[in-house]
Amino acid sequence: MYLLENPVLQRELLINLRRKRSFVLLLLYNAVLAAVVYFAWPQQLQLDLTTTPEQTIRLIQLFFLGQFALAVLLSPSFAAESLTGEKERRTYEMLLASPLSRGAIVLGKLLASLAHLAILIVTSLPIVMLCLPLGGVSLYEILALYLALVLSVALFGMISLACSSYFQRTSAALIASYVIILPLAMLGVLFWSALGGEAKLRLLMAVTVVPAICFLGIGLLYASIVRRLQNPVELGSEGREVIDLERESKEAVGLVIDRNQFPDKLFAPAKRTGFLPDGANPVYDKEMRSEIFSQGTLMLRIVIQVSMLVAIPLMAICLFVAPINLPWYIGYVLLFNVLVGPVFSAGSISSEREHETLDLLLTTNLSPGQILSGKLLAGLRVSGVLTAFLLWPLVIACVLPLNYWSQLPAIGAQLLLVSLSCLTTTTVGLFFSVLLRKTSAALTATYLALVILYGAPMAARYFAATFFPNSQQQAAVQTFSMASPLAASFEVPWTGNPFSNSGDSERGMPRGDWSRFALFICWILLVNGVLLGTFAWLFRRRWRLGE
């Protein structure tokens, strides 16, 4: 009943693996990995296999790092919808009322959600096997890496499934999954990179320590989910769409969000006690006071606490110990906004379709511009304020006597960069919310587009610097990388080390290039302008047709 005759597993596999997107994703996944191996293949006509080929080792490491990054990004998108999808479709109670045991339900959901990802990993095995004749890496090391990769994916899937059991909506479960998984993945990559010169120790840890940690985490989360399904608090609450925030704040453990206090009221305004003022946008008011927080603040509390926990050591290192690493802290802020921004915008229009309220919204006296501007400003306000919470260390750095006052133009440029990135994530999310019909599809498409916009130029830059260090292609890739805000943060000019009164350039900040930074500003404004115009035209066209 757990595997061979598990109806949950059979149904989910039939639905997921027969979709067109499954075959498209399989093609794109292997095409990207094959392209990495093809372009990074050694260019020498003869290879000396008596020595350790460093380029081959870098190729294998890059191959598995790429697979691990893709697994980290894809596993929540497959597993976070497992139980929240049942709740949103109003079939959760039917599932729990079936004769299936709770353990069989959890196992079926986990295996079904990760089956497609497992197929992607297995189909990449022939590609990496082509690298074995180059030497430098043994078959046992590759198998050990695959074992660690598969177990890591299983752990990440179980974390996403646990989040899916605690939240009512897929968007909240997805963002909570990413917030928990990404720090764990970063720690794993840093620890693995620290053992770069210890191949035997890496192999030993891949077959002993990593499986032990993964099995322990999977077992604990499995038991927790089964207990929650045995005593579900969601039963009998299908009609409940709004959670009492006052009651939730009294029962919450840890961080509590109070709508009447600063700075919480910046992103969570108090409940309305009077009439809406004349000239106010009712869509914006409804989004801020009802829709965004209708399912409680658990997701927001998790996001704030985890982000602050990670930001404290990064702040200490990048701002006060070694300020040359300040662009890395800005990169962390940008990545946080990439995670948070789409949650409050990718479901703006698609959720109206799912709740069957879009027709009612379109029959009001509101124009399409008022509707879209209200949705856009509401999502931008919440994601912008949450992102701004991570920028207070910059204010502290300017107030303290650390000579940061001489860097005010550069700090202002970094703040402008973060502001435009907040606008971009919100605009991309609203664009796919207008284009697609399901919130889960819009959210996944938004994350994919932002990963391409932010990560693809940086990945190409790292790839060119590693395998083509002295070629003309590297210069072209350096220019192409300016399409990413992560690269633009390193192009902000600094005038020496803030800890040094002499302005020693050798120990100071990277000087950067204002022209490249201005090029990025023009590029990101063009992207936002095109997206805003496109989804406004799409929405107005559908509004006129009476969708």
Protein backbone atom coordinates (compact mmCIF):
# COMPACT_ATOMS: atom_id res chain seq x y z
CA MET A 1 0.00 0.00 0.00
CA TYR A 2 2.99 2.29 0.45
CA LEU A 3 4.63 1.84 -2.96
CA LEU A 4 3.25 -0.76 -5.38
CA GLU A 5 -0.44 -0.07 -4.72
CA ASN A 6 -0.31 3.52 -3.51
CA PRO A 7 -3.15 5.34 -5.34
CA VAL A 8 -1.77 8.77 -4.39
CA LEU A 9 1.57 7.95 -5.99
CA GLN A 10 -0.03 6.42 -9.09
CA ARG A 11 -2.39 9.34 -9.65
CA GLU A 12 0.27 12.01 -9.15
CA LEU A 13 2.70 10.23 -11.49
CA LEU A 14 0.10 9.92 -14.23
CA ILE A 15 -0.81 13.59 -13.96
CA ASN A 16 2.70 15.03 -13.61
CA LEU A 17 4.64 12.90 -16.07
CA ARG A 18 2.10 13.20 -18.89
CA ARG A 19 2.19 16.98 -19.03
CA LYS A 20 3.89 18.70 -21.93
CA ARG A 21 5.98 20.80 -19.58
CA SER A 22 7.56 17.60 -18.22
CA PHE A 23 9.05 16.75 -21.60
CA VAL A 24 10.04 20.36 -22.27
CA LEU A 25 11.76 20.60 -18.89
CA LEU A 26 13.59 17.31 -19.51
CA LEU A 27 14.84 18.61 -22.87
CA LEU A 28 15.97 21.97 -21.51
CA TYR A 29 17.63 20.45 -18.43
CA ASN A 30 19.80 18.07 -20.41
CA ALA A 31 20.44 20.65 -23.14
CA VAL A 32 21.88 23.08 -20.58
CA LEU A 33 24.11 20.42 -18.99
CA ALA A 34 25.26 19.19 -22.40
CA ALA A 35 26.09 22.77 -23.43
CA VAL A 36 28.19 23.22 -20.28
CA VAL A 37 30.20 20.07 -21.05
CA TYR A 38 30.53 20.98 -24.73
CA PHE A 39 31.84 24.51 -24.26
CA ALA A 40 34.06 23.56 -21.30
CA TRP A 41 35.61 20.55 -23.03
CA PRO A 42 39.43 20.75 -23.02
CA GLN A 43 40.79 22.32 -26.21
CA GLN A 44 44.15 20.52 -26.16
CA LEU A 45 44.80 18.04 -28.93
CA GLN A 46 46.73 15.79 -26.52
CA LEU A 47 46.10 15.09 -22.83
CA ASP A 48 48.70 13.83 -20.41
CA LEU A 49 46.78 11.31 -18.30
CA THR A 50 49.79 10.69 -16.04
CA THR A 51 49.05 13.98 -14.26
CA THR A 52 45.86 15.30 -12.73
CA PRO A 53 44.05 17.41 -15.35
CA GLU A 54 42.88 20.48 -13.46
CA GLN A 55 40.56 21.58 -16.22
CA THR A 56 38.73 18.26 -16.13
CA ILE A 57 38.28 18.47 -12.38
CA ARG A 58 36.86 21.99 -12.74
CA LEU A 59 34.52 20.69 -15.44
CA ILE A 60 33.17 17.90 -13.21
CA GLN A 61 32.78 20.26 -10.27
CA LEU A 62 30.95 22.81 -12.39
CA PHE A 63 28.70 20.06 -13.78
CA PHE A 64 27.63 18.89 -10.34
CA LEU A 65 27.38 22.43 -8.96
CA GLY A 66 25.00 23.27 -11.80
CA GLN A 67 22.94 20.17 -11.11
CA PHE A 68 22.81 20.95 -7.41
CA ALA A 69 21.70 24.53 -8.10
CA LEU A 70 18.97 23.33 -10.45
CA ALA A 71 17.84 20.73 -7.90
CA VAL A 72 17.65 23.41 -5.18
CA LEU A 73 15.52 25.63 -7.42
CA LEU A 74 13.25 22.88 -8.76
CA SER A 75 12.58 20.66 -5.74
CA PRO A 76 10.36 23.21 -3.89
CA SER A 77 8.39 23.95 -7.05
CA PHE A 78 7.49 20.25 -7.33
CA ALA A 79 6.87 19.44 -3.66
CA ALA A 80 5.48 22.66 -2.14
CA GLU A 81 2.17 22.19 -3.97
CA SER A 82 1.61 18.61 -2.80
CA LEU A 83 -0.74 19.31 0.10
CA THR A 84 -1.58 22.98 -0.44
CA GLY A 85 -2.92 22.02 -3.86
CA GLU A 86 -5.35 19.65 -2.15
CA LYS A 87 -6.43 22.44 0.20
CA GLU A 88 -6.91 24.93 -2.62
CA ARG A 89 -8.93 22.41 -4.67
CA ARG A 90 -11.08 21.56 -1.60
CA THR A 91 -10.04 17.88 -1.76
CA TYR A 92 -7.89 17.82 1.38
CA GLU A 93 -10.62 16.43 3.62
CA MET A 94 -11.49 13.77 1.05
CA LEU A 95 -7.87 12.66 0.98
CA LEU A 96 -7.68 12.38 4.76
CA ALA A 97 -11.01 10.52 4.84
CA SER A 98 -9.69 7.82 2.47
CA PRO A 99 -8.62 4.39 3.84
CA LEU A 100 -4.99 5.26 3.13
CA SER A 101 -2.70 5.55 6.14
CA ARG A 102 -1.13 8.92 6.83
CA GLY A 103 2.33 7.51 6.17
CA ALA A 104 1.25 6.21 2.76
CA ILE A 105 -0.13 9.65 1.84
CA VAL A 106 3.08 11.43 2.83
CA LEU A 107 5.31 8.90 1.09
CA GLY A 108 3.17 8.94 -2.04
CA LYS A 109 3.19 12.73 -2.23
CA LEU A 110 6.95 12.89 -1.68
CA LEU A 111 7.86 10.25 -4.27
CA ALA A 112 5.42 11.65 -6.81
CA SER A 113 6.71 15.21 -6.44
CA LEU A 114 10.36 14.15 -6.73
CA ALA A 115 9.93 11.48 -9.41
CA HIS A 116 10.28 13.98 -12.24
CA LEU A 117 13.35 15.54 -10.66
CA ALA A 118 14.85 12.07 -10.18
CA ILE A 119 14.34 11.40 -13.89
CA LEU A 120 16.19 14.62 -14.72
CA ILE A 121 19.14 13.60 -12.53
CA VAL A 122 19.32 10.06 -13.91
CA THR A 123 19.17 11.18 -17.55
CA SER A 124 22.18 13.44 -16.95
CA LEU A 125 24.34 10.45 -16.01
CA PRO A 126 25.42 9.62 -19.62
CA ILE A 127 26.59 13.22 -20.07
CA VAL A 128 28.94 13.13 -17.11
CA MET A 129 30.17 9.67 -18.11
CA LEU A 130 31.64 11.27 -21.23
CA CYS A 131 34.08 13.11 -18.97
CA LEU A 132 35.51 9.98 -17.36
CA PRO A 133 38.05 9.25 -20.17
CA LEU A 134 39.60 12.67 -19.51
CA GLY A 135 40.89 11.41 -16.15
CA GLY A 136 41.13 13.22 -12.84
CA VAL A 137 37.89 11.78 -11.42
CA SER A 138 37.05 8.13 -10.77
CA LEU A 139 33.76 6.35 -11.26
CA TYR A 140 33.39 5.92 -7.49
CA GLU A 141 33.62 9.67 -6.94
CA ILE A 142 30.91 10.33 -9.52
CA LEU A 143 28.61 7.71 -8.00
CA ALA A 144 29.24 9.16 -4.52
CA LEU A 145 28.37 12.64 -5.80
CA TYR A 146 25.17 11.34 -7.35
CA LEU A 147 24.27 9.64 -4.07
CA ALA A 148 24.78 12.89 -2.16
CA LEU A 149 22.79 14.78 -4.81
CA VAL A 150 19.82 12.39 -4.71
CA LEU A 151 19.67 12.39 -0.91
CA SER A 152 19.92 16.19 -0.80
CA VAL A 153 17.01 16.44 -3.24
CA ALA A 154 14.99 14.05 -1.04
CA LEU A 155 15.71 16.21 2.02
CA PHE A 156 14.77 19.40 0.21
CA GLY A 157 11.58 17.76 -1.05
CA MET A 158 10.65 16.69 2.48
CA ILE A 159 11.24 20.24 3.75
CA SER A 160 8.94 21.58 1.01
CA LEU A 161 6.33 18.93 1.85
CA ALA A 162 6.48 19.95 5.52
CA CYS A 163 5.90 23.58 4.54
CA SER A 164 3.02 22.43 2.34
CA SER A 165 1.40 20.77 5.36
CA TYR A 166 1.60 23.94 7.48
CA PHE A 167 0.35 26.53 4.98
CA GLN A 168 -2.96 26.99 3.19
CA ARG A 169 -1.61 28.42 -0.06
CA THR A 170 1.04 27.21 -2.46
CA SER A 171 2.71 30.61 -2.69
CA ALA A 172 3.30 30.76 1.08
CA ALA A 173 4.58 27.17 1.18
CA LEU A 174 6.90 27.85 -1.75
CA ILE A 175 8.52 30.96 -0.31
CA ALA A 176 8.94 29.34 3.11
CA SER A 177 10.58 26.34 1.43
CA TYR A 178 13.06 28.53 -0.43
CA VAL A 179 13.86 30.56 2.68
CA ILE A 180 14.73 27.38 4.59
CA ILE A 181 16.42 25.45 1.77
CA LEU A 182 18.66 28.16 0.29
CA PRO A 183 20.70 28.82 3.48
CA LEU A 184 21.19 25.05 3.90
CA ALA A 185 22.30 24.74 0.28
CA MET A 186 24.72 27.67 0.65
CA LEU A 187 26.27 26.11 3.75
CA GLY A 188 26.65 22.82 1.93
CA VAL A 189 28.35 24.43 -1.07
CA LEU A 190 30.71 26.46 1.13
CA PHE A 191 31.67 23.42 3.19
CA TRP A 192 32.18 21.34 0.06
CA SER A 193 34.35 24.06 -1.52
CA ALA A 194 36.46 24.27 1.65
CA LEU A 195 37.44 20.63 1.09
CA GLY A 196 38.59 21.28 -2.46
CA GLY A 197 42.01 19.73 -2.00
CA GLU A 198 40.85 16.69 -0.02
CA ALA A 199 39.38 14.28 -2.58
CA LYS A 200 39.39 11.25 -0.24
CA LEU A 201 37.75 13.19 2.57
CA ARG A 202 35.10 14.44 0.15
CA LEU A 203 34.39 10.88 -0.99
CA LEU A 204 34.16 9.66 2.61
CA MET A 205 31.77 12.42 3.61
CA ALA A 206 29.61 11.90 0.51
CA VAL A 207 28.94 8.27 1.49
CA THR A 208 28.78 8.67 5.29
CA VAL A 209 28.08 12.13 6.71
CA VAL A 210 25.76 13.45 3.99
CA PRO A 211 23.51 10.33 3.97
CA ALA A 212 23.35 10.34 7.79
CA ILE A 213 22.27 14.01 7.92
CA CYS A 214 19.76 13.56 5.09
CA PHE A 215 18.19 10.41 6.55
CA LEU A 216 17.93 12.04 9.98
CA GLY A 217 16.25 15.15 8.57
CA ILE A 218 13.91 13.12 6.36
CA GLY A 219 12.90 10.87 9.26
CA LEU A 220 12.17 13.73 11.63
CA LEU A 221 10.17 15.68 9.04
CA TYR A 222 8.30 12.55 7.97
CA ALA A 223 7.20 11.88 11.55
CA SER A 224 6.19 15.53 12.00
CA ILE A 225 4.04 15.56 8.84
CA VAL A 226 2.37 12.26 9.73
CA ARG A 227 1.48 13.60 13.20
CA ARG A 228 0.05 16.75 11.65
CA LEU A 229 -2.10 14.74 9.24
CA GLN A 230 -3.35 12.57 12.09
CA ASN A 231 -4.54 15.67 13.95
CA PRO A 232 -5.28 18.19 11.18
CA VAL A 233 -6.35 21.62 12.30
CA GLU A 234 -7.69 22.37 8.80
CA LEU A 235 -10.60 19.92 8.98
CA GLY A 236 -13.99 21.56 8.84
CA SER A 237 -12.49 24.90 7.71
CA GLU A 238 -13.06 24.82 3.96
CA GLY A 239 -15.19 27.93 4.18
CA ARG A 240 -12.63 29.84 6.21
CA GLU A 241 -10.72 32.17 3.91
CA VAL A 242 -9.57 34.77 6.46
CA ILE A 243 -7.56 34.25 9.63
CA ASP A 244 -8.07 36.49 12.65
CA LEU A 245 -4.72 38.26 12.90
CA GLU A 246 -5.32 39.42 16.46
CA ARG A 247 -5.89 35.86 17.63
CA GLU A 248 -2.93 34.64 15.60
CA SER A 249 -0.63 37.24 17.19
CA LYS A 250 -1.67 36.09 20.66
CA GLU A 251 -0.98 32.44 19.86
CA ALA A 252 2.18 33.03 17.81
CA VAL A 253 5.54 31.87 19.14
CA GLY A 254 8.55 34.10 18.52
CA LEU A 255 8.17 37.12 16.27
CA VAL A 256 4.76 38.82 16.40
CA ILE A 257 3.52 41.29 13.79
CA ASP A 258 1.50 44.16 15.24
CA ARG A 259 -0.32 46.23 12.64
CA ASN A 260 -0.54 49.25 14.95
CA GLN A 261 3.18 49.58 15.68
CA PHE A 262 6.19 50.77 13.69
CA PRO A 263 7.71 49.34 11.51
CA ASP A 264 5.06 46.60 11.10
CA LYS A 265 2.43 49.06 9.93
CA LEU A 266 4.65 49.96 6.98
CA PHE A 267 3.77 46.68 5.27
CA ALA A 268 0.76 45.56 7.34
CA PRO A 269 -1.61 48.53 7.78
CA ALA A 270 -4.25 48.38 10.50
CA LYS A 271 -7.78 47.25 9.82
CA ARG A 272 -10.09 49.89 8.45
CA THR A 273 -12.62 51.27 10.94
CA GLY A 274 -14.21 53.88 8.70
CA PHE A 275 -15.21 54.56 5.12
CA LEU A 276 -12.74 54.62 2.25
CA PRO A 277 -11.61 58.21 1.53
CA ASP A 278 -12.70 59.83 -1.71
CA GLY A 279 -10.24 59.31 -4.53
CA ALA A 280 -8.53 56.31 -2.88
CA ASN A 281 -7.85 53.20 -4.94
CA PRO A 282 -10.11 50.45 -3.57
CA VAL A 283 -8.06 47.69 -5.20
CA TYR A 284 -4.91 48.86 -3.43
CA ASP A 285 -6.77 49.20 -0.13
CA LYS A 286 -8.29 45.72 -0.45
CA GLU A 287 -4.94 44.13 -1.29
CA MET A 288 -3.11 45.76 1.61
CA ARG A 289 -5.76 45.22 4.27
CA SER A 290 -7.34 41.93 3.27
CA GLU A 291 -5.91 39.86 0.45
CA ILE A 292 -2.19 39.74 1.24
CA PHE A 293 -2.68 38.86 4.91
CA SER A 294 -5.87 36.82 4.58
CA GLN A 295 -4.01 33.58 5.33
CA GLY A 296 -2.15 34.90 8.36
CA THR A 297 1.40 36.10 8.93
CA LEU A 298 3.20 32.80 9.55
CA MET A 299 5.02 32.96 6.22
CA LEU A 300 6.06 36.58 6.81
CA ARG A 301 7.33 35.80 10.30
CA ILE A 302 9.44 32.90 8.99
CA VAL A 303 10.84 35.03 6.18
CA ILE A 304 11.77 37.92 8.47
CA GLN A 305 13.38 35.75 11.14
CA VAL A 306 15.42 33.59 8.77
CA SER A 307 16.55 36.55 6.66
CA MET A 308 17.68 38.49 9.73
CA LEU A 309 19.47 35.45 11.12
CA VAL A 310 21.49 35.10 7.91
CA ALA A 311 22.00 38.85 7.54
CA ILE A 312 23.70 39.34 10.92
CA PRO A 313 26.95 37.46 10.14
CA LEU A 314 26.98 38.78 6.57
CA MET A 315 26.55 42.32 7.87
CA ALA A 316 29.41 41.93 10.32
CA ILE A 317 31.79 40.57 7.67
CA CYS A 318 30.83 42.65 4.65
CA LEU A 319 30.29 46.03 6.33
CA PHE A 320 32.61 46.18 9.32
CA VAL A 321 35.30 43.48 9.17
CA ALA A 322 36.08 43.48 5.43
CA PRO A 323 34.14 46.29 3.69
CA ILE A 324 35.64 45.27 0.36
CA ASN A 325 32.93 42.59 0.37
CA LEU A 326 30.06 45.08 0.61
CA PRO A 327 28.75 44.19 -2.90
CA TRP A 328 28.28 40.63 -1.65
CA TYR A 329 25.92 41.88 1.05
CA ILE A 330 23.99 43.86 -1.56
CA GLY A 331 23.82 40.64 -3.58
CA TYR A 332 22.25 38.90 -0.59
CA VAL A 333 19.65 41.67 -0.33
CA LEU A 334 18.87 41.32 -4.04
CA LEU A 335 18.46 37.54 -3.75
CA PHE A 336 16.15 38.00 -0.78
CA ASN A 337 13.99 40.33 -2.86
CA VAL A 338 13.92 37.78 -5.68
CA LEU A 339 12.46 35.28 -3.22
CA VAL A 340 9.95 37.61 -1.59
CA GLY A 341 8.85 39.93 -4.39
CA PRO A 342 7.00 37.44 -6.63
CA VAL A 343 4.92 36.09 -3.73
CA PHE A 344 2.98 39.36 -3.43
CA SER A 345 2.56 40.02 -7.16
CA ALA A 346 2.49 36.73 -9.10
CA GLY A 347 -0.98 35.89 -7.75
CA SER A 348 -2.51 39.33 -8.11
CA ILE A 349 -4.64 38.62 -11.20
CA SER A 350 -4.45 34.82 -11.34
CA SER A 351 -5.93 34.53 -7.83
CA GLU A 352 -8.92 36.57 -9.02
CA ARG A 353 -9.45 33.99 -11.76
CA GLU A 354 -9.10 31.09 -9.33
CA HIS A 355 -11.57 32.66 -6.88
CA GLU A 356 -13.91 33.48 -9.82
CA THR A 357 -13.98 37.15 -8.88
CA LEU A 358 -12.27 38.59 -11.96
CA ASP A 359 -15.56 39.11 -13.78
CA LEU A 360 -16.93 41.01 -10.79
CA LEU A 361 -13.81 43.16 -10.68
CA LEU A 362 -14.05 43.96 -14.37
CA THR A 363 -17.69 45.02 -14.11
CA THR A 364 -16.88 47.79 -11.60
CA ASN A 365 -16.32 51.43 -12.52
CA LEU A 366 -12.57 50.98 -12.06
CA SER A 367 -10.40 51.34 -15.13
CA PRO A 368 -7.77 48.73 -16.02
CA GLY A 369 -5.11 51.26 -15.01
CA GLN A 370 -6.56 51.61 -11.52
CA ILE A 371 -6.80 47.84 -11.09
CA LEU A 372 -3.24 47.15 -12.23
CA SER A 373 -1.72 50.10 -10.38
CA GLY A 374 -3.42 49.01 -7.15
CA LYS A 375 -2.12 45.46 -7.54
CA LEU A 376 1.37 46.67 -8.47
CA LEU A 377 1.71 49.20 -5.64
CA ALA A 378 0.44 46.75 -3.01
CA GLY A 379 2.97 44.07 -3.96
CA LEU A 380 5.76 46.61 -4.33
CA ARG A 381 5.06 48.12 -0.92
CA VAL A 382 5.20 44.84 0.99
CA SER A 383 8.24 43.40 -0.81
CA GLY A 384 10.03 46.76 -0.73
CA VAL A 385 9.55 47.24 3.01
CA LEU A 386 10.64 43.68 3.78
CA THR A 387 13.75 44.16 1.63
CA ALA A 388 14.47 47.53 3.28
CA PHE A 389 14.69 45.79 6.66
CA LEU A 390 17.99 44.31 5.44
CA LEU A 391 19.41 47.72 4.52
CA TRP A 392 19.48 49.16 8.04
CA PRO A 393 23.14 48.04 8.47
CA LEU A 394 24.09 50.55 5.77
CA VAL A 395 22.47 53.31 7.81
CA ILE A 396 24.33 52.14 10.91
CA ALA A 397 27.59 52.10 8.94
CA CYS A 398 27.04 55.72 7.90
CA VAL A 399 26.18 56.85 11.43
CA LEU A 400 29.17 55.15 13.08
CA PRO A 401 32.59 56.88 12.81
CA LEU A 402 33.89 54.58 10.04
CA ASN A 403 34.45 57.16 7.29
CA TYR A 404 31.47 55.84 5.33
CA TRP A 405 30.30 59.42 4.79
CA SER A 406 32.84 59.72 1.98
CA GLN A 407 31.07 56.83 0.25
CA LEU A 408 27.56 58.35 0.20
CA PRO A 409 27.34 58.48 -3.64
CA ALA A 410 28.24 54.79 -3.85
CA ILE A 411 25.80 53.86 -1.08
CA GLY A 412 23.09 55.89 -2.81
CA ALA A 413 23.80 53.99 -6.04
CA GLN A 414 23.44 50.68 -4.21
CA LEU A 415 20.12 51.81 -2.72
CA LEU A 416 18.94 52.82 -6.20
CA LEU A 417 19.96 49.40 -7.46
CA VAL A 418 17.94 47.65 -4.76
CA SER A 419 14.92 49.89 -5.40
CA LEU A 420 14.91 49.13 -9.12
CA SER A 421 15.31 45.43 -8.38
CA CYS A 422 12.24 45.57 -6.12
CA LEU A 423 10.30 47.16 -8.96
CA THR A 424 11.56 44.52 -11.39
CA THR A 425 10.55 41.51 -9.30
CA THR A 426 7.09 42.98 -8.74
CA THR A 427 6.64 43.87 -12.41
CA VAL A 428 7.72 40.43 -13.64
CA GLY A 429 5.38 38.75 -11.16
CA LEU A 430 2.41 40.88 -12.22
CA PHE A 431 3.23 40.27 -15.89
CA PHE A 432 2.99 36.49 -15.52
CA SER A 433 -0.07 36.85 -13.29
CA VAL A 434 -1.84 38.60 -16.17
CA LEU A 435 -0.48 36.15 -18.74
CA LEU A 436 -1.15 32.84 -16.96
CA ARG A 437 -4.30 31.52 -15.34
CA LYS A 438 -2.97 29.64 -12.29
CA THR A 439 -1.08 31.23 -9.43
CA SER A 440 1.30 28.28 -9.11
CA ALA A 441 2.18 28.50 -12.81
CA ALA A 442 2.62 32.29 -12.62
CA LEU A 443 4.82 31.98 -9.54
CA THR A 444 7.00 29.29 -11.10
CA ALA A 445 7.34 31.24 -14.35
CA THR A 446 8.27 34.38 -12.41
CA TYR A 447 11.02 32.62 -10.48
CA LEU A 448 12.34 31.07 -13.68
CA ALA A 449 12.42 34.44 -15.45
CA LEU A 450 14.19 36.12 -12.51
CA VAL A 451 16.75 33.31 -12.26
CA ILE A 452 17.53 33.80 -15.94
CA LEU A 453 17.69 37.59 -15.59
CA TYR A 454 19.81 37.56 -12.43
CA GLY A 455 21.72 34.29 -12.65
CA ALA A 456 22.35 33.52 -16.32
CA PRO A 457 24.68 36.52 -16.94
CA MET A 458 26.64 35.76 -13.75
CA ALA A 459 26.89 32.06 -14.62
CA ALA A 460 28.15 32.93 -18.10
CA ARG A 461 30.68 35.33 -16.57
CA TYR A 462 32.00 32.69 -14.16
CA PHE A 463 32.10 30.09 -16.93
CA ALA A 464 34.09 32.35 -19.27
CA ALA A 465 36.52 33.38 -16.53
CA THR A 466 37.13 29.72 -15.59
CA PHE A 467 37.50 28.08 -18.99
CA PHE A 468 38.35 31.00 -21.33
CA PRO A 469 40.47 33.35 -19.20
CA ASN A 470 42.36 35.00 -22.07
CA SER A 471 39.95 35.04 -24.97
CA GLN A 472 37.89 37.66 -26.78
CA GLN A 473 34.72 35.85 -25.73
CA GLN A 474 35.40 36.76 -22.11
CA ALA A 475 35.21 40.49 -22.87
CA ALA A 476 31.86 40.03 -24.60
CA VAL A 477 30.56 37.97 -21.68
CA GLN A 478 31.73 40.65 -19.23
CA THR A 479 29.59 43.18 -21.07
CA PHE A 480 26.65 40.77 -21.23
CA SER A 481 26.86 40.17 -17.47
CA MET A 482 25.87 43.78 -16.83
CA ALA A 483 22.29 42.71 -17.51
CA SER A 484 22.29 41.24 -13.99
CA PRO A 485 21.82 43.46 -10.91
CA LEU A 486 24.28 41.19 -9.09
CA ALA A 487 27.04 42.23 -11.51
CA ALA A 488 25.98 45.88 -11.42
CA SER A 489 26.49 46.01 -7.64
CA PHE A 490 30.21 45.32 -8.21
CA GLU A 491 30.46 48.15 -10.75
CA VAL A 492 29.63 50.90 -8.26
CA PRO A 493 32.84 52.97 -7.84
CA TRP A 494 34.36 53.43 -4.39
CA THR A 495 37.09 55.88 -3.37
CA GLY A 496 39.23 53.78 -1.08
CA ASN A 497 38.78 51.80 2.09
CA PRO A 498 36.32 53.34 4.59
CA PHE A 499 38.57 52.05 7.38
CA SER A 500 41.59 53.82 5.91
CA ASN A 501 42.07 57.61 6.14
CA SER A 502 44.73 57.51 3.45
CA GLY A 503 42.43 56.01 0.83
CA ASP A 504 44.77 53.12 0.09
CA SER A 505 43.46 51.66 -3.15
CA GLU A 506 45.19 48.34 -2.66
CA ARG A 507 43.15 47.60 0.49
CA GLY A 508 40.18 49.69 -0.56
CA MET A 509 36.99 49.03 -2.38
CA PRO A 510 36.88 47.98 -6.03
CA ARG A 511 36.78 51.13 -8.12
CA GLY A 512 34.14 49.98 -10.56
CA ASP A 513 32.87 51.96 -13.53
CA TRP A 514 30.05 54.50 -13.46
CA SER A 515 29.41 54.09 -17.20
CA ARG A 516 28.71 50.35 -16.80
CA PHE A 517 26.45 51.05 -13.85
CA ALA A 518 24.56 53.68 -15.87
CA LEU A 519 24.23 51.12 -18.69
CA PHE A 520 22.56 48.71 -16.30
CA ILE A 521 20.18 51.42 -15.03
CA CYS A 522 19.08 52.15 -18.59
CA TRP A 523 18.67 48.42 -19.28
CA ILE A 524 16.57 47.69 -16.19
CA LEU A 525 14.35 50.75 -16.81
CA LEU A 526 13.80 49.53 -20.38
CA VAL A 527 12.85 46.04 -19.14
CA ASN A 528 10.37 47.44 -16.64
CA GLY A 529 8.90 49.81 -19.21
CA VAL A 530 8.37 47.01 -21.73
CA LEU A 531 6.79 44.72 -19.13
CA LEU A 532 4.52 47.42 -17.76
CA GLY A 533 3.35 48.37 -21.23
CA THR A 534 2.87 44.75 -22.29
CA PHE A 535 0.77 43.54 -19.38
CA ALA A 536 -1.24 46.78 -19.37
CA TRP A 537 -2.06 46.19 -23.04
CA LEU A 538 -2.91 42.53 -22.40
CA PHE A 539 -5.16 43.33 -19.49
CA ARG A 540 -6.93 46.19 -21.29
CA ARG A 541 -7.49 44.00 -24.35
CA ARG A 542 -8.97 41.18 -22.26
CA TRP A 543 -11.02 43.70 -20.27
CA ARG A 544 -12.54 45.11 -23.44
CA LEU A 545 -13.32 41.60 -24.67
CA GLY A 546 -14.98 40.82 -21.33
CA GLU A 547 -12.84 37.84 -20.35
